[in-house]
Amino acid sequence: MTAFSYQLYSSRMFPPLGDTLQMLADLGYAEVEGYGALLDDPAMITALADGLKTTGLTMPTCHVALEMCQKDPAKVVDIAAQLGVKTAVIPYIHIDDRPTDAAGWRAYGAGLEEVQKRLAEDGIALAYHNHDFECVAMADGTMPIDLILEAAPSVYLEYDPAWAVRAGADPAETITKHGGRILCAHLKDIAPEGEAEDEDGWADVGHGTMDWPGLFGALKSAGTRHFIMEHDKPSDHHRFARRALAAAKTF
């Protein structure tokens, strides 16, 4: 049976954290995924660790800033030990830091490979999480996500098919090409055009336009191990968490 996870970023607007963790455990989630803001304060890390212990939830993956991984890998390892994290996920490249050509994307990937080598010394894996901009072909026809992975052969992909669709890409192509590298995937859905504008056009998983039954099957066949519910701006996080999990169980 698949153990479903939940990206805690989806509930950032609905404190307190302890209540969110209990809600997720009560709904039947087995895992959660942390994000950067939860790692900024030692007291928050302690509260998160305590909440995981109390609810029985685990956190095998966590978003961690690239800067922390590069400048203070020992801190990343310490946080991972406290929270039980096995894979650190690089979540985002700020627009000012994004490469503009193929050489730049390859260099970025090579930098990730170096980070992975350091973290691997302490048993921590590294993954990269895409948004839309990595899934837009450049003038020479190459795709940034492909260049990153080619230059970082030891780094996994945390694939977000919905962002790829928003970029105009076909997720099936990436799953076919990099399926063995997709350790984890974000289950996110897109509302029909003109709907859910107060939620930035996102929908609860299984209630939007994404072919999640098909994508889920392809990802699972490729070996993806962690399926993580995410909604960037839900108006009601309990509704989202409940409906997403119920839908995913039918895929």
Protein backbone atom coordinates (compact mmCIF):
# COMPACT_ATOMS: atom_id res chain seq x y z
CA MET A 1 0.00 0.00 0.00
CA THR A 2 1.27 3.48 -0.91
CA ALA A 3 2.13 5.74 2.04
CA PHE A 4 0.96 9.22 1.10
CA SER A 5 2.71 12.39 2.25
CA TYR A 6 1.66 16.03 2.63
CA GLN A 7 3.73 19.14 1.90
CA LEU A 8 3.35 21.29 5.01
CA TYR A 9 3.75 24.44 2.91
CA SER A 10 0.13 23.83 1.92
CA SER A 11 -0.89 24.61 5.52
CA ARG A 12 1.42 27.56 6.19
CA MET A 13 -1.56 29.92 6.46
CA PHE A 14 -3.32 27.72 9.01
CA PRO A 15 -1.34 27.62 12.27
CA PRO A 16 -0.56 26.13 14.71
CA LEU A 17 1.71 23.44 13.29
CA GLY A 18 0.81 20.92 15.98
CA ASP A 19 -2.85 21.06 15.02
CA THR A 20 -1.97 20.54 11.36
CA LEU A 21 0.11 17.46 12.12
CA GLN A 22 -2.69 15.98 14.22
CA MET A 23 -5.21 16.73 11.48
CA LEU A 24 -3.08 14.91 8.92
CA ALA A 25 -2.53 11.91 11.17
CA ASP A 26 -6.27 11.70 11.87
CA LEU A 27 -7.03 11.81 8.15
CA GLY A 28 -4.70 8.88 7.52
CA TYR A 29 -1.50 10.40 6.19
CA ALA A 30 1.70 8.50 7.02
CA GLU A 31 4.27 11.12 6.01
CA VAL A 32 4.77 14.86 5.74
CA GLU A 33 7.31 16.99 3.91
CA GLY A 34 8.83 20.05 5.56
CA TYR A 35 9.81 23.34 3.95
CA GLY A 36 12.44 26.00 4.52
CA ALA A 37 10.64 28.36 6.90
CA LEU A 38 10.19 25.53 9.40
CA LEU A 39 13.97 25.16 9.63
CA ASP A 40 14.82 28.78 10.43
CA ASP A 41 14.23 28.57 14.19
CA PRO A 42 15.67 25.82 16.44
CA ALA A 43 12.53 26.03 18.57
CA MET A 44 10.38 25.35 15.50
CA ILE A 45 12.53 22.37 14.58
CA THR A 46 12.09 20.99 18.10
CA ALA A 47 8.33 21.57 17.94
CA LEU A 48 8.20 19.81 14.58
CA ALA A 49 10.20 16.85 15.88
CA ASP A 50 7.93 16.62 18.92
CA GLY A 51 4.83 16.81 16.71
CA LEU A 52 6.08 13.99 14.51
CA LYS A 53 6.74 11.82 17.55
CA THR A 54 3.33 12.57 19.05
CA THR A 55 1.37 11.83 15.88
CA GLY A 56 3.48 9.00 14.50
CA LEU A 57 4.03 10.83 11.23
CA THR A 58 7.42 10.57 9.55
CA MET A 59 9.31 13.09 7.40
CA PRO A 60 11.46 11.21 4.88
CA THR A 61 11.82 14.28 2.63
CA CYS A 62 12.23 17.98 3.41
CA HIS A 63 12.79 21.10 1.34
CA VAL A 64 16.10 22.73 2.27
CA ALA A 65 17.63 25.89 0.83
CA LEU A 66 20.58 25.31 -1.48
CA GLU A 67 22.53 28.02 0.36
CA MET A 68 22.29 26.07 3.63
CA CYS A 69 23.38 22.88 1.91
CA GLN A 70 26.40 24.63 0.41
CA LYS A 71 27.49 26.79 3.32
CA ASP A 72 26.51 24.69 6.32
CA PRO A 73 26.02 21.04 5.34
CA ALA A 74 26.66 19.99 8.95
CA LYS A 75 23.53 21.93 9.95
CA VAL A 76 21.52 20.13 7.27
CA VAL A 77 22.75 16.78 8.59
CA ASP A 78 21.87 17.79 12.17
CA ILE A 79 18.35 18.89 11.20
CA ALA A 80 17.87 15.70 9.20
CA ALA A 81 18.85 13.64 12.24
CA GLN A 82 16.35 15.49 14.43
CA LEU A 83 13.48 15.07 11.98
CA GLY A 84 14.30 11.70 10.45
CA VAL A 85 14.87 13.19 6.99
CA LYS A 86 16.51 10.89 4.45
CA THR A 87 16.37 13.16 1.40
CA ALA A 88 16.96 16.92 1.27
CA VAL A 89 15.12 18.60 -1.61
CA ILE A 90 16.28 21.82 -3.25
CA PRO A 91 12.95 23.62 -3.71
CA TYR A 92 13.42 26.66 -5.91
CA ILE A 93 15.76 28.97 -7.79
CA HIS A 94 15.04 32.66 -7.30
CA ILE A 95 14.47 34.45 -10.59
CA ASP A 96 17.64 36.52 -10.16
CA ASP A 97 19.73 33.35 -9.78
CA ARG A 98 18.38 31.32 -12.69
CA PRO A 99 20.80 30.42 -15.48
CA THR A 100 20.04 31.85 -18.90
CA ASP A 101 21.74 29.31 -21.19
CA ALA A 102 22.55 25.62 -21.43
CA ALA A 103 26.03 26.04 -20.01
CA GLY A 104 24.60 27.81 -16.98
CA TRP A 105 22.06 25.06 -16.32
CA ARG A 106 24.76 22.40 -16.62
CA ALA A 107 26.91 24.34 -14.17
CA TYR A 108 23.98 24.55 -11.77
CA GLY A 109 23.51 20.80 -12.02
CA ALA A 110 27.22 20.23 -11.41
CA GLY A 111 26.91 22.33 -8.27
CA LEU A 112 24.07 20.11 -7.05
CA GLU A 113 26.23 17.06 -7.66
CA GLU A 114 28.92 18.50 -5.41
CA VAL A 115 26.35 19.16 -2.67
CA GLN A 116 25.11 15.58 -2.99
CA LYS A 117 28.62 14.21 -2.59
CA ARG A 118 29.00 16.09 0.71
CA LEU A 119 25.60 15.10 2.10
CA ALA A 120 26.09 11.49 1.03
CA GLU A 121 29.00 11.26 3.46
CA ASP A 122 26.37 11.38 6.21
CA GLY A 123 23.80 9.22 4.45
CA ILE A 124 21.59 12.04 3.15
CA ALA A 125 20.33 11.94 -0.45
CA LEU A 126 19.60 15.05 -2.52
CA ALA A 127 16.72 15.79 -4.88
CA TYR A 128 15.72 18.77 -7.00
CA HIS A 129 12.14 20.07 -7.21
CA ASN A 130 10.96 21.65 -10.45
CA HIS A 131 8.56 24.48 -11.09
CA ASP A 132 7.49 25.73 -14.52
CA PHE A 133 10.63 27.53 -15.69
CA GLU A 134 12.79 24.38 -15.84
CA CYS A 135 10.24 22.82 -18.19
CA VAL A 136 10.36 25.46 -20.93
CA ALA A 137 12.63 24.65 -23.87
CA MET A 138 15.37 27.16 -24.61
CA ALA A 139 16.24 28.55 -28.04
CA ASP A 140 18.50 25.58 -28.78
CA GLY A 141 15.73 23.13 -27.93
CA THR A 142 17.24 21.88 -24.69
CA MET A 143 15.18 21.68 -21.51
CA PRO A 144 16.69 23.02 -18.26
CA ILE A 145 15.39 20.09 -16.20
CA ASP A 146 17.18 17.67 -18.53
CA LEU A 147 20.42 19.63 -18.33
CA ILE A 148 20.31 19.73 -14.54
CA LEU A 149 19.81 15.99 -14.24
CA GLU A 150 22.43 15.18 -16.86
CA ALA A 151 25.01 17.23 -14.94
CA ALA A 152 23.96 15.79 -11.57
CA PRO A 153 23.77 12.01 -12.06
CA SER A 154 23.57 11.27 -8.32
CA VAL A 155 20.74 13.71 -7.64
CA TYR A 156 17.10 12.61 -7.62
CA LEU A 157 14.15 14.53 -9.05
CA GLU A 158 11.14 15.52 -7.00
CA TYR A 159 8.80 15.89 -9.93
CA ASP A 160 5.85 18.28 -9.98
CA PRO A 161 3.84 17.39 -13.10
CA ALA A 162 1.32 20.21 -12.59
CA TRP A 163 4.02 22.87 -12.84
CA ALA A 164 5.26 21.16 -16.01
CA VAL A 165 1.75 21.33 -17.47
CA ARG A 166 1.54 25.02 -16.62
CA ALA A 167 4.77 25.45 -18.59
CA GLY A 168 3.20 23.73 -21.59
CA ALA A 169 5.23 20.53 -21.24
CA ASP A 170 4.04 16.92 -21.32
CA PRO A 171 4.78 15.22 -17.97
CA ALA A 172 4.72 11.79 -19.62
CA GLU A 173 7.88 12.68 -21.54
CA THR A 174 9.81 13.50 -18.37
CA ILE A 175 8.52 10.40 -16.60
CA THR A 176 9.61 8.27 -19.56
CA LYS A 177 13.01 9.93 -19.75
CA HIS A 178 13.84 10.28 -16.05
CA GLY A 179 11.45 7.87 -14.33
CA GLY A 180 14.21 6.05 -12.50
CA ARG A 181 15.36 9.34 -11.00
CA ILE A 182 11.94 10.44 -9.72
CA LEU A 183 12.20 9.48 -6.06
CA CYS A 184 9.22 11.59 -5.05
CA ALA A 185 6.42 13.48 -6.74
CA HIS A 186 4.11 16.33 -5.82
CA LEU A 187 0.45 15.57 -6.45
CA LYS A 188 -1.01 18.93 -7.38
CA ASP A 189 -3.98 19.73 -9.59
CA ILE A 190 -5.03 22.58 -11.88
CA ALA A 191 -8.53 24.06 -11.81
CA PRO A 192 -10.45 24.59 -15.06
CA GLU A 193 -9.68 27.94 -16.65
CA GLY A 194 -11.41 30.78 -14.83
CA GLU A 195 -12.11 28.77 -11.69
CA ALA A 196 -10.51 28.87 -8.22
CA GLU A 197 -8.96 32.26 -8.88
CA ASP A 198 -8.80 32.89 -5.13
CA GLU A 199 -6.61 29.78 -4.93
CA ASP A 200 -4.29 30.88 -7.76
CA GLY A 201 -5.99 28.48 -10.14
CA TRP A 202 -4.98 25.34 -8.28
CA ALA A 203 -7.45 22.56 -7.43
CA ASP A 204 -7.62 19.78 -4.88
CA VAL A 205 -5.89 16.66 -6.19
CA GLY A 206 -8.31 14.62 -8.26
CA HIS A 207 -10.72 17.52 -8.69
CA GLY A 208 -8.98 19.42 -11.46
CA THR A 209 -7.84 18.93 -15.04
CA MET A 210 -4.72 16.80 -14.47
CA ASP A 211 -4.80 13.13 -15.51
CA TRP A 212 -3.72 11.95 -12.09
CA PRO A 213 -4.82 8.33 -12.42
CA GLY A 214 -2.60 7.98 -15.49
CA LEU A 215 0.31 9.97 -14.10
CA PHE A 216 0.18 8.18 -10.76
CA GLY A 217 0.33 4.81 -12.47
CA ALA A 218 3.27 5.88 -14.63
CA LEU A 219 5.18 7.27 -11.66
CA LYS A 220 4.55 4.22 -9.52
CA SER A 221 5.66 1.92 -12.34
CA ALA A 222 8.83 4.01 -12.70
CA GLY A 223 9.67 3.46 -9.03
CA THR A 224 8.55 6.71 -7.37
CA ARG A 225 8.36 6.07 -3.62
CA HIS A 226 6.92 9.23 -2.06
CA PHE A 227 3.67 10.82 -3.28
CA ILE A 228 3.20 14.22 -1.67
CA MET A 229 -0.03 16.22 -1.72
CA GLU A 230 0.46 19.92 -2.36
CA HIS A 231 -1.73 22.96 -2.94
CA ASP A 232 0.03 26.34 -3.05
CA LYS A 233 -2.94 28.35 -1.78
CA PRO A 234 -5.89 26.37 -0.42
CA SER A 235 -8.68 28.40 1.15
CA ASP A 236 -9.34 25.46 3.48
CA HIS A 237 -6.43 23.13 4.21
CA HIS A 238 -8.57 20.48 5.88
CA ARG A 239 -10.79 20.26 2.81
CA PHE A 240 -7.75 19.98 0.57
CA ALA A 241 -5.96 17.39 2.70
CA ARG A 242 -9.09 15.26 3.03
CA ARG A 243 -10.19 15.38 -0.59
CA ALA A 244 -6.68 14.93 -1.98
CA LEU A 245 -6.03 11.81 0.08
CA ALA A 246 -9.42 10.32 -0.73
CA ALA A 247 -8.85 10.87 -4.44
CA ALA A 248 -5.27 9.55 -4.42
CA LYS A 249 -6.40 6.30 -2.85
CA THR A 250 -8.50 5.65 -5.97
CA PHE A 251 -5.67 6.18 -8.47
